[in-house]
């Protein structure tokens, strides 16, 4: 069974996610930005979601984590929770 580990930043609006993505592009720390802006409880841990399997997250989230390039920031991805910036750390 595949597994992955990812970090994410969850915010309410696409424009907010776009602004944070620009900060990331300038080299700001993903972890620090997650702690400052993420509305998900994982924000306190720098956005760390730990390890999970396909199907444990919503489909739009899984599609990024299990199909897109690792160690790149993807998004904003919209789910029922808001807008995510997602970075997959590893998957096997």
C-alpha atoms as a PDB file:
ATOM      1  CA  UNK A   1       0.000   0.000   0.000  1.00  0.00           C
ATOM      2  CA  UNK A   2       1.334   3.414  -0.949  1.00  0.00           C
ATOM      3  CA  UNK A   3       2.100   5.920   1.775  1.00  0.00           C
ATOM      4  CA  UNK A   4       3.083   9.560   1.680  1.00  0.00           C
ATOM      5  CA  UNK A   5       4.119  12.346   3.997  1.00  0.00           C
ATOM      6  CA  UNK A   6       3.085  15.915   3.262  1.00  0.00           C
ATOM      7  CA  UNK A   7       2.930  19.409   4.699  1.00  0.00           C
ATOM      8  CA  UNK A   8       0.258  21.923   3.819  1.00  0.00           C
ATOM      9  CA  UNK A   9      -1.014  25.411   4.494  1.00  0.00           C
ATOM     10  CA  UNK A  10      -4.787  25.863   4.599  1.00  0.00           C
ATOM     11  CA  UNK A  11      -6.400  29.288   4.161  1.00  0.00           C
ATOM     12  CA  UNK A  12      -9.903  30.573   3.411  1.00  0.00           C
ATOM     13  CA  UNK A  13      -9.337  32.357   0.080  1.00  0.00           C
ATOM     14  CA  UNK A  14      -7.475  31.736  -3.156  1.00  0.00           C
ATOM     15  CA  UNK A  15      -5.956  35.227  -3.034  1.00  0.00           C
ATOM     16  CA  UNK A  16      -4.519  34.533   0.431  1.00  0.00           C
ATOM     17  CA  UNK A  17      -3.070  31.232  -0.834  1.00  0.00           C
ATOM     18  CA  UNK A  18      -1.553  33.021  -3.850  1.00  0.00           C
ATOM     19  CA  UNK A  19       0.127  35.597  -1.569  1.00  0.00           C
ATOM     20  CA  UNK A  20       1.626  32.859   0.606  1.00  0.00           C
ATOM     21  CA  UNK A  21       2.808  30.971  -2.478  1.00  0.00           C
ATOM     22  CA  UNK A  22       4.659  34.121  -3.592  1.00  0.00           C
ATOM     23  CA  UNK A  23       6.365  34.292  -0.179  1.00  0.00           C
ATOM     24  CA  UNK A  24       7.400  30.630  -0.573  1.00  0.00           C
ATOM     25  CA  UNK A  25       8.766  31.379  -4.056  1.00  0.00           C
ATOM     26  CA  UNK A  26      10.971  34.083  -2.482  1.00  0.00           C
ATOM     27  CA  UNK A  27      12.443  31.482  -0.145  1.00  0.00           C
ATOM     28  CA  UNK A  28      10.399  31.989   3.025  1.00  0.00           C
ATOM     29  CA  UNK A  29      10.091  28.937   5.292  1.00  0.00           C
ATOM     30  CA  UNK A  30       7.102  26.655   4.621  1.00  0.00           C
ATOM     31  CA  UNK A  31       6.988  25.733   8.288  1.00  0.00           C
ATOM     32  CA  UNK A  32       7.042  29.359   9.500  1.00  0.00           C
ATOM     33  CA  UNK A  33       4.324  30.381   7.023  1.00  0.00           C
ATOM     34  CA  UNK A  34       2.168  27.402   8.028  1.00  0.00           C
ATOM     35  CA  UNK A  35       2.477  28.389  11.702  1.00  0.00           C
ATOM     36  CA  UNK A  36       1.546  31.981  10.886  1.00  0.00           C
ATOM     37  CA  UNK A  37      -1.291  31.521   8.365  1.00  0.00           C
ATOM     38  CA  UNK A  38      -2.695  27.978   8.272  1.00  0.00           C
ATOM     39  CA  UNK A  39      -6.202  27.516   9.691  1.00  0.00           C
ATOM     40  CA  UNK A  40      -5.631  23.737  10.001  1.00  0.00           C
ATOM     41  CA  UNK A  41      -4.580  22.386  13.439  1.00  0.00           C
ATOM     42  CA  UNK A  42      -1.488  20.993  11.641  1.00  0.00           C
ATOM     43  CA  UNK A  43      -0.317  24.600  11.223  1.00  0.00           C
ATOM     44  CA  UNK A  44       1.040  24.494  14.779  1.00  0.00           C
ATOM     45  CA  UNK A  45       3.399  21.739  13.605  1.00  0.00           C
ATOM     46  CA  UNK A  46       4.509  23.699  10.542  1.00  0.00           C
ATOM     47  CA  UNK A  47       1.765  22.138   8.431  1.00  0.00           C
ATOM     48  CA  UNK A  48       3.018  18.587   8.993  1.00  0.00           C
ATOM     49  CA  UNK A  49       0.299  16.001   8.313  1.00  0.00           C
ATOM     50  CA  UNK A  50       2.542  13.026   8.996  1.00  0.00           C
ATOM     51  CA  UNK A  51       2.255   9.830   7.005  1.00  0.00           C
ATOM     52  CA  UNK A  52      -1.006   8.737   5.400  1.00  0.00           C
ATOM     53  CA  UNK A  53      -2.409   6.385   2.761  1.00  0.00           C
ATOM     54  CA  UNK A  54      -4.542   7.104  -0.321  1.00  0.00           C
ATOM     55  CA  UNK A  55      -8.159   7.669   0.687  1.00  0.00           C
ATOM     56  CA  UNK A  56      -7.396   9.164   4.104  1.00  0.00           C
ATOM     57  CA  UNK A  57      -7.522  12.700   2.699  1.00  0.00           C
ATOM     58  CA  UNK A  58     -10.089  14.254   0.350  1.00  0.00           C
ATOM     59  CA  UNK A  59      -9.712  13.293  -3.318  1.00  0.00           C
ATOM     60  CA  UNK A  60      -8.343  16.649  -4.540  1.00  0.00           C
ATOM     61  CA  UNK A  61      -5.655  16.437  -1.848  1.00  0.00           C
ATOM     62  CA  UNK A  62      -4.769  12.811  -2.681  1.00  0.00           C
ATOM     63  CA  UNK A  63      -4.463  13.700  -6.369  1.00  0.00           C
ATOM     64  CA  UNK A  64      -1.655  16.121  -5.546  1.00  0.00           C
ATOM     65  CA  UNK A  65       0.136  14.032  -2.934  1.00  0.00           C
ATOM     66  CA  UNK A  66       0.085  10.746  -4.838  1.00  0.00           C
ATOM     67  CA  UNK A  67       0.374  11.983  -8.452  1.00  0.00           C
ATOM     68  CA  UNK A  68       2.327  15.268  -8.621  1.00  0.00           C
ATOM     69  CA  UNK A  69       6.032  15.987  -8.203  1.00  0.00           C
ATOM     70  CA  UNK A  70       7.436  15.710  -4.679  1.00  0.00           C
ATOM     71  CA  UNK A  71       9.237  18.569  -2.886  1.00  0.00           C
ATOM     72  CA  UNK A  72       7.372  21.166  -4.960  1.00  0.00           C
ATOM     73  CA  UNK A  73       4.607  23.404  -3.654  1.00  0.00           C
ATOM     74  CA  UNK A  74       1.326  22.696  -5.471  1.00  0.00           C
ATOM     75  CA  UNK A  75      -1.793  24.778  -5.297  1.00  0.00           C
ATOM     76  CA  UNK A  76      -3.868  26.580  -4.429  1.00  0.00           C
ATOM     77  CA  UNK A  77      -6.002  23.413  -4.412  1.00  0.00           C
ATOM     78  CA  UNK A  78      -9.630  23.972  -3.411  1.00  0.00           C
ATOM     79  CA  UNK A  79     -11.438  21.542  -1.100  1.00  0.00           C
ATOM     80  CA  UNK A  80     -14.473  21.905   1.166  1.00  0.00           C
ATOM     81  CA  UNK A  81     -12.049  23.139   3.858  1.00  0.00           C
ATOM     82  CA  UNK A  82     -10.612  26.045   1.853  1.00  0.00           C
ATOM     83  CA  UNK A  83      -7.485  26.480  -0.265  1.00  0.00           C
ATOM     84  CA  UNK A  84      -4.395  24.365   0.273  1.00  0.00           C
ATOM     85  CA  UNK A  85      -0.758  24.773  -0.651  1.00  0.00           C
ATOM     86  CA  UNK A  86       0.624  21.240  -0.548  1.00  0.00           C
ATOM     87  CA  UNK A  87       4.188  19.945  -0.537  1.00  0.00           C
ATOM     88  CA  UNK A  88       4.758  16.185  -0.596  1.00  0.00           C
ATOM     89  CA  UNK A  89       7.910  15.296   1.316  1.00  0.00           C
ATOM     90  CA  UNK A  90       8.061  11.661   0.207  1.00  0.00           C
ATOM     91  CA  UNK A  91       5.929   8.788  -0.986  1.00  0.00           C
ATOM     92  CA  UNK A  92       6.555   5.089  -1.510  1.00  0.00           C
END
